[in-house]
Amino acid sequence: MMCFADSRGILMTMVLGLFSLALGPACATGHRGPITDHFDGETFSNQPGVPPRKGFAAALKMKFEASGAWPDHVDAPFGPKPPTRNGLNELRATFVGHATVLLQQDGVNILTDPVWSGRIGPYPWLGIKRRRPPGIRFEALPPIEVVLLSHDHFDHLDLPTIRRLVAAHPEAVFVMGLGTRAFLMKEGIEARMIELDWWQSAQLDGLEITAVPAAHWSGRGPISNRRLWVGFTIRGPSGLTYFAGDTGFGPHFEQIRERLGAPRLAILPIGAYRPRDFMSPQHIDPKEVVDAAKSIGAEISLPIHYGTFKLSGEGFADPIRDLAKALALESEPPRFWLLYAGEGRDL
């Protein structure tokens, strides 16, 4: 989702809105299939108990509220080149930035929601500016076998980066929610793709990848919810990893634990959460991140989705500060790793 609170952001939102209207037919490309408990034949919906997303008036009001401070640019060096590959029973995570993580699990190299672009939006020259560079160079990536795409928002599904990945890693398999393949094909993306509904699984390179529910929405224009938003679990000899994508709080955390087990590593978003009356249906805040880590029973949680793109009202340093405050209130706080962009760590 793209949200702004400063005057330049308001202007950019209006410009992006006009382009989104022009892109409406392409943006509407989605899923066609049988009706389910979260698909009415045309649009997808969240599970019961997830509050509805606020409308345009609330979004417009938010853009005029006070916003926390952000640096124009963080001059951070690239991290070291990751290992080419690890072995069975090994799990390593490298935080690249925003929702992009390089997972090296049981000898398989996996990217989540890859974004290397300097701006996110309908065109490379139009959109939200990146404030912090990617933690590792694109050229330093090891051979990528799997790319997980949680949903179609510009800060998670970046077409320029996907095109670079298809060219540089032609054997990679892209795994996504229902309806996303049609959108990518319409955009000229030719790659190996697998679509999954909630709770469906695919076997890839000895790993079981399962799409799991999230509390969010989809859409890159005026028509929304034609493509399914998902989180993912990855199961292999090293255990279970959970990548939440974007999500508000909901029953899915406990459901994942009950159906699939507690993960060794949970990758959880902590940014884009203010103001709460607008953001809570779609993004957890740091306090809810702690609750989510406990609900899902994660051995270790890795916070992501902060400090890269200014998407909402909190300041640049607020997500980490608010997470520390939330953990300090716990008598037995769950374990979190805080990785700087470009840092990798083995479990």
Protein backbone atom coordinates (compact mmCIF):
# COMPACT_ATOMS: atom_id res chain seq x y z
CA MET A 1 0.00 0.00 0.00
CA MET A 2 1.18 3.57 -0.70
CA CYS A 3 0.32 6.24 1.85
CA PHE A 4 1.79 9.68 2.38
CA ALA A 5 1.45 12.35 5.04
CA ASP A 6 3.57 15.28 3.78
CA SER A 7 2.59 17.78 1.07
CA ARG A 8 4.78 16.22 -1.60
CA GLY A 9 3.30 12.86 -0.74
CA ILE A 10 -0.25 14.17 -1.16
CA LEU A 11 0.62 15.51 -4.60
CA MET A 12 2.31 12.24 -5.56
CA THR A 13 -0.71 10.28 -4.38
CA MET A 14 -2.97 12.28 -6.67
CA VAL A 15 -0.62 11.75 -9.61
CA LEU A 16 -0.39 8.03 -8.92
CA GLY A 17 -4.16 7.90 -8.65
CA LEU A 18 -4.53 9.34 -12.16
CA PHE A 19 -2.06 6.81 -13.55
CA SER A 20 -3.84 4.02 -11.68
CA LEU A 21 -7.12 5.02 -13.31
CA ALA A 22 -5.42 4.84 -16.69
CA LEU A 23 -4.09 1.40 -15.78
CA GLY A 24 -7.47 0.21 -14.52
CA PRO A 25 -8.13 -2.59 -17.07
CA ALA A 26 -4.67 -4.13 -16.52
CA CYS A 27 -4.94 -3.74 -12.78
CA ALA A 28 -8.27 -5.56 -12.83
CA THR A 29 -6.70 -8.74 -14.22
CA GLY A 30 -7.37 -11.42 -11.65
CA HIS A 31 -8.62 -14.88 -10.79
CA ARG A 32 -11.42 -16.86 -12.32
CA GLY A 33 -12.49 -19.95 -10.44
CA PRO A 34 -15.01 -21.59 -8.13
CA ILE A 35 -16.57 -19.73 -5.21
CA THR A 36 -14.98 -20.37 -1.81
CA ASP A 37 -15.32 -18.97 1.69
CA HIS A 38 -12.96 -16.10 0.71
CA PHE A 39 -13.75 -15.73 -3.02
CA ASP A 40 -17.15 -14.81 -4.42
CA GLY A 41 -16.28 -15.63 -8.03
CA GLU A 42 -14.82 -12.20 -8.71
CA THR A 43 -13.20 -10.71 -5.59
CA PHE A 44 -11.33 -12.04 -2.58
CA SER A 45 -12.07 -11.23 1.07
CA ASN A 46 -10.45 -11.63 4.47
CA GLN A 47 -11.44 -14.18 7.06
CA PRO A 48 -14.29 -13.42 9.49
CA GLY A 49 -13.15 -11.30 12.39
CA VAL A 50 -10.85 -9.08 10.34
CA PRO A 51 -12.21 -5.49 10.38
CA PRO A 52 -13.02 -3.94 7.00
CA ARG A 53 -10.52 -1.63 5.35
CA LYS A 54 -11.29 2.10 5.66
CA GLY A 55 -12.40 3.94 2.53
CA PHE A 56 -11.07 6.82 0.46
CA ALA A 57 -12.26 9.57 2.83
CA ALA A 58 -10.29 8.07 5.71
CA ALA A 59 -7.22 7.71 3.49
CA LEU A 60 -7.48 11.34 2.40
CA LYS A 61 -7.86 12.49 6.01
CA MET A 62 -4.75 10.53 6.99
CA LYS A 63 -2.65 12.31 4.39
CA PHE A 64 -3.20 15.64 6.13
CA GLU A 65 -2.23 14.42 9.60
CA ALA A 66 1.17 14.98 11.19
CA SER A 67 3.91 12.67 10.04
CA GLY A 68 7.07 11.46 11.75
CA ALA A 69 10.47 12.53 10.45
CA TRP A 70 12.37 10.57 7.80
CA PRO A 71 15.83 11.15 6.33
CA ASP A 72 15.89 11.93 2.63
CA HIS A 73 18.55 9.25 2.13
CA VAL A 74 20.47 6.81 4.32
CA ASP A 75 23.99 6.39 3.00
CA ALA A 76 24.46 2.76 4.04
CA PRO A 77 27.12 0.47 2.55
CA PHE A 78 26.21 -2.83 0.91
CA GLY A 79 26.56 -5.90 3.06
CA PRO A 80 28.89 -8.78 2.21
CA LYS A 81 28.13 -11.20 -0.59
CA PRO A 82 25.96 -14.01 0.81
CA PRO A 83 27.12 -17.62 0.70
CA THR A 84 26.42 -19.35 -2.59
CA ARG A 85 24.41 -22.06 -0.89
CA ASN A 86 24.00 -23.86 2.42
CA GLY A 87 23.31 -27.53 3.15
CA LEU A 88 20.54 -29.72 4.49
CA ASN A 89 19.42 -28.91 8.04
CA GLU A 90 20.77 -25.37 7.63
CA LEU A 91 18.75 -22.15 7.68
CA ARG A 92 20.09 -18.66 7.06
CA ALA A 93 18.30 -15.32 6.62
CA THR A 94 19.76 -12.15 5.07
CA PHE A 95 17.71 -8.96 5.40
CA VAL A 96 17.88 -7.02 2.13
CA GLY A 97 15.39 -4.29 3.00
CA HIS A 98 11.65 -3.62 3.36
CA ALA A 99 9.97 -7.02 2.77
CA THR A 100 12.88 -8.52 0.83
CA VAL A 101 14.73 -11.34 2.59
CA LEU A 102 17.14 -13.88 1.15
CA LEU A 103 16.32 -17.22 2.75
CA GLN A 104 18.84 -20.01 2.35
CA GLN A 105 17.05 -23.09 3.58
CA ASP A 106 18.26 -26.67 3.15
CA GLY A 107 20.34 -25.85 0.08
CA VAL A 108 17.63 -23.78 -1.65
CA ASN A 109 17.93 -20.00 -2.23
CA ILE A 110 14.62 -18.15 -1.78
CA LEU A 111 13.74 -14.46 -2.17
CA THR A 112 10.69 -12.86 -0.57
CA ASP A 113 8.91 -9.90 -2.23
CA PRO A 114 12.05 -8.70 -4.05
CA VAL A 115 12.44 -4.94 -4.59
CA TRP A 116 15.72 -3.43 -5.79
CA SER A 117 14.22 -0.38 -7.51
CA GLY A 118 14.97 3.19 -6.44
CA ARG A 119 11.26 4.01 -6.62
CA ILE A 120 8.09 1.94 -6.40
CA GLY A 121 5.10 2.83 -8.55
CA PRO A 122 3.51 2.26 -11.95
CA TYR A 123 6.66 3.50 -13.70
CA PRO A 124 10.34 3.51 -12.60
CA TRP A 125 10.35 7.32 -12.67
CA LEU A 126 7.05 7.75 -10.84
CA GLY A 127 6.45 6.58 -7.32
CA ILE A 128 7.70 6.50 -3.76
CA LYS A 129 11.41 7.11 -3.33
CA ARG A 130 13.59 4.52 -1.66
CA ARG A 131 15.27 6.06 1.42
CA ARG A 132 17.72 3.23 2.17
CA PRO A 133 19.58 1.23 -0.51
CA PRO A 134 19.19 -2.54 -0.71
CA GLY A 135 21.37 -4.35 1.78
CA ILE A 136 23.13 -6.40 -0.86
CA ARG A 137 23.85 -5.74 -4.53
CA PHE A 138 21.55 -7.43 -7.00
CA GLU A 139 24.62 -8.80 -8.76
CA ALA A 140 25.78 -10.38 -5.46
CA LEU A 141 22.74 -12.65 -5.22
CA PRO A 142 23.45 -16.38 -5.27
CA PRO A 143 21.52 -18.53 -7.79
CA ILE A 144 17.84 -18.04 -6.92
CA GLU A 145 15.57 -21.08 -7.13
CA VAL A 146 12.34 -19.73 -5.59
CA VAL A 147 10.73 -16.26 -5.42
CA LEU A 148 7.77 -15.75 -3.08
CA LEU A 149 5.30 -12.97 -3.97
CA SER A 150 2.85 -12.23 -1.16
CA HIS A 151 0.61 -9.76 -3.00
CA ASP A 152 0.51 -7.21 -5.79
CA HIS A 153 1.13 -3.86 -4.05
CA PHE A 154 3.96 -1.84 -5.55
CA ASP A 155 6.24 -2.21 -2.51
CA HIS A 156 5.96 -6.02 -2.69
CA LEU A 157 5.55 -6.81 -6.38
CA ASP A 158 8.06 -4.66 -8.27
CA LEU A 159 7.95 -5.38 -11.99
CA PRO A 160 11.42 -3.98 -12.85
CA THR A 161 13.00 -6.22 -10.21
CA ILE A 162 11.01 -9.25 -11.37
CA ARG A 163 12.19 -8.67 -14.93
CA ARG A 164 15.79 -8.50 -13.72
CA LEU A 165 15.33 -11.73 -11.79
CA VAL A 166 13.81 -13.55 -14.78
CA ALA A 167 16.76 -12.48 -16.93
CA ALA A 168 19.49 -13.23 -14.36
CA HIS A 169 17.91 -16.34 -12.77
CA PRO A 170 15.84 -18.00 -15.53
CA GLU A 171 15.38 -21.23 -13.55
CA ALA A 172 13.68 -19.48 -10.63
CA VAL A 173 10.12 -20.51 -9.80
CA PHE A 174 7.79 -17.67 -8.77
CA VAL A 175 5.15 -18.69 -6.19
CA MET A 176 2.14 -16.40 -5.66
CA GLY A 177 -1.50 -16.13 -4.69
CA LEU A 178 -4.38 -16.81 -7.06
CA GLY A 179 -4.81 -14.30 -9.89
CA THR A 180 -1.26 -12.94 -9.83
CA ARG A 181 0.00 -15.06 -12.73
CA ALA A 182 -2.52 -13.50 -15.15
CA PHE A 183 -1.36 -10.03 -14.12
CA LEU A 184 2.33 -10.91 -14.62
CA MET A 185 1.65 -12.53 -17.99
CA LYS A 186 -0.27 -9.44 -19.11
CA GLU A 187 2.82 -7.43 -18.17
CA GLY A 188 4.94 -9.63 -20.42
CA ILE A 189 6.59 -11.68 -17.66
CA GLU A 190 7.51 -15.15 -18.91
CA ALA A 191 8.72 -17.35 -16.08
CA ARG A 192 7.93 -20.53 -14.20
CA MET A 193 4.98 -19.64 -11.97
CA ILE A 194 2.90 -21.47 -9.40
CA GLU A 195 -0.35 -20.04 -8.01
CA LEU A 196 -1.67 -21.16 -4.64
CA ASP A 197 -4.86 -20.64 -2.66
CA TRP A 198 -4.75 -20.40 1.13
CA TRP A 199 -3.55 -23.71 2.60
CA GLN A 200 -2.46 -25.11 -0.75
CA SER A 201 1.12 -26.39 -1.05
CA ALA A 202 3.78 -26.94 -3.70
CA GLN A 203 6.84 -29.18 -3.52
CA LEU A 204 9.97 -27.46 -4.79
CA ASP A 205 13.56 -28.71 -4.47
CA GLY A 206 12.76 -30.81 -1.43
CA LEU A 207 10.82 -28.03 0.33
CA GLU A 208 7.08 -27.79 0.95
CA ILE A 209 5.84 -24.24 0.35
CA THR A 210 2.35 -23.47 1.63
CA ALA A 211 0.31 -20.32 1.04
CA VAL A 212 -1.34 -19.22 4.28
CA PRO A 213 -3.96 -16.56 5.08
CA ALA A 214 -3.15 -12.93 5.82
CA ALA A 215 -5.36 -9.98 6.77
CA HIS A 216 -4.79 -7.53 3.94
CA TRP A 217 -6.02 -6.64 0.44
CA SER A 218 -4.76 -6.33 -3.13
CA GLY A 219 -4.88 -3.93 -6.05
CA ARG A 220 -2.71 -1.53 -8.01
CA GLY A 221 -5.52 0.75 -9.22
CA PRO A 222 -9.16 1.61 -8.63
CA ILE A 223 -10.24 -2.05 -8.72
CA SER A 224 -9.15 -4.05 -5.70
CA ASN A 225 -9.14 -7.61 -4.35
CA ARG A 226 -9.05 -9.43 -7.70
CA ARG A 227 -5.81 -11.19 -6.70
CA LEU A 228 -5.25 -13.13 -3.49
CA TRP A 229 -2.90 -11.89 -0.75
CA VAL A 230 -1.00 -14.60 1.10
CA GLY A 231 1.76 -15.38 3.56
CA PHE A 232 3.99 -18.43 3.11
CA THR A 233 5.46 -21.22 5.16
CA ILE A 234 8.52 -23.15 3.96
CA ARG A 235 9.09 -26.59 5.43
CA GLY A 236 12.29 -28.57 5.02
CA PRO A 237 14.74 -30.68 7.02
CA SER A 238 15.84 -27.54 8.91
CA GLY A 239 12.27 -26.91 10.13
CA LEU A 240 9.49 -24.43 9.34
CA THR A 241 9.92 -20.81 8.23
CA TYR A 242 7.00 -18.35 8.08
CA PHE A 243 6.93 -15.23 5.91
CA ALA A 244 3.90 -13.09 6.75
CA GLY A 245 3.96 -10.68 3.80
CA ASP A 246 1.67 -7.77 4.74
CA THR A 247 -0.98 -8.41 7.36
CA GLY A 248 -3.18 -6.99 10.05
CA PHE A 249 -3.85 -8.96 13.20
CA GLY A 250 -6.27 -11.85 12.91
CA PRO A 251 -6.98 -15.51 13.64
CA HIS A 252 -4.53 -16.74 11.01
CA PHE A 253 -1.50 -16.72 13.34
CA GLU A 254 -3.02 -19.34 15.64
CA GLN A 255 -4.45 -21.22 12.66
CA ILE A 256 -1.00 -21.54 11.10
CA ARG A 257 0.44 -22.90 14.34
CA GLU A 258 -2.44 -25.35 14.76
CA ARG A 259 -2.32 -26.64 11.17
CA LEU A 260 1.37 -26.46 10.32
CA GLY A 261 3.22 -26.15 13.63
CA ALA A 262 5.31 -23.45 15.24
CA PRO A 263 8.02 -21.98 12.99
CA ARG A 264 11.69 -21.81 13.83
CA LEU A 265 11.80 -18.42 12.08
CA ALA A 266 8.89 -15.98 11.64
CA ILE A 267 9.46 -13.02 9.30
CA LEU A 268 7.02 -10.35 10.49
CA PRO A 269 6.26 -6.82 9.22
CA ILE A 270 6.51 -4.02 11.79
CA GLY A 271 6.12 -0.81 9.74
CA ALA A 272 3.34 1.23 8.07
CA TYR A 273 1.06 1.23 11.12
CA ARG A 274 0.08 4.85 11.89
CA PRO A 275 -2.54 6.16 12.28
CA ARG A 276 -4.01 3.03 13.83
CA ASP A 277 -7.65 3.79 13.04
CA PHE A 278 -6.76 3.60 9.34
CA MET A 279 -3.90 1.10 9.29
CA SER A 280 -5.00 -1.55 11.81
CA PRO A 281 -7.12 -3.65 9.38
CA GLN A 282 -4.13 -4.12 7.08
CA HIS A 283 -0.86 -3.72 9.06
CA ILE A 284 0.11 -4.96 12.51
CA ASP A 285 1.91 -2.50 14.77
CA PRO A 286 4.94 -3.39 16.93
CA LYS A 287 2.78 -4.42 19.92
CA GLU A 288 0.73 -6.71 17.69
CA VAL A 289 3.94 -8.07 16.18
CA VAL A 290 4.93 -9.28 19.65
CA ASP A 291 1.46 -10.82 20.07
CA ALA A 292 1.78 -12.46 16.64
CA ALA A 293 5.17 -13.97 17.52
CA LYS A 294 3.64 -15.45 20.67
CA SER A 295 0.49 -16.67 18.89
CA ILE A 296 2.40 -18.47 16.19
CA GLY A 297 4.96 -19.80 18.67
CA ALA A 298 8.03 -18.62 16.75
CA GLU A 299 11.43 -19.63 18.08
CA ILE A 300 12.92 -16.47 16.54
CA SER A 301 11.17 -13.56 14.81
CA LEU A 302 12.76 -11.26 12.24
CA PRO A 303 11.18 -7.79 11.85
CA ILE A 304 10.90 -6.41 8.31
CA HIS A 305 8.89 -3.78 6.37
CA TYR A 306 10.40 -0.64 7.93
CA GLY A 307 13.03 2.00 7.28
CA THR A 308 12.99 1.81 3.45
CA PHE A 309 9.87 3.49 2.01
CA LYS A 310 7.83 6.18 3.75
CA LEU A 311 4.39 4.58 3.57
CA SER A 312 2.49 6.01 6.54
CA GLY A 313 2.60 8.33 9.52
CA GLU A 314 5.25 6.86 11.81
CA GLY A 315 8.79 8.24 11.77
CA PHE A 316 11.84 6.47 10.38
CA ALA A 317 13.03 5.18 13.78
CA ASP A 318 9.61 4.55 15.34
CA PRO A 319 9.07 0.87 14.39
CA ILE A 320 12.25 -0.34 16.11
CA ARG A 321 11.71 1.95 19.10
CA ASP A 322 8.08 0.87 19.50
CA LEU A 323 9.04 -2.79 19.16
CA ALA A 324 11.62 -2.41 21.94
CA LYS A 325 8.97 -0.79 24.16
CA ALA A 326 6.49 -3.60 23.46
CA LEU A 327 9.09 -6.27 24.27
CA ALA A 328 10.03 -4.48 27.50
CA LEU A 329 6.43 -4.90 28.74
CA GLU A 330 6.64 -8.70 28.46
CA SER A 331 7.64 -10.79 31.47
CA GLU A 332 8.93 -13.46 29.06
CA PRO A 333 9.43 -11.64 25.75
CA PRO A 334 9.62 -13.67 22.55
CA ARG A 335 13.01 -13.70 20.88
CA PHE A 336 13.60 -11.22 18.04
CA TRP A 337 16.56 -10.75 15.75
CA LEU A 338 17.19 -7.21 14.52
CA LEU A 339 19.31 -7.41 11.36
CA TYR A 340 20.63 -4.35 9.62
CA ALA A 341 20.12 -4.24 5.84
CA GLY A 342 22.67 -6.58 4.33
CA GLU A 343 23.26 -8.64 7.47
CA GLY A 344 22.81 -12.40 7.35
CA ARG A 345 22.59 -14.85 10.22
CA ASP A 346 22.37 -18.62 10.63
CA LEU A 347 19.90 -20.25 12.97
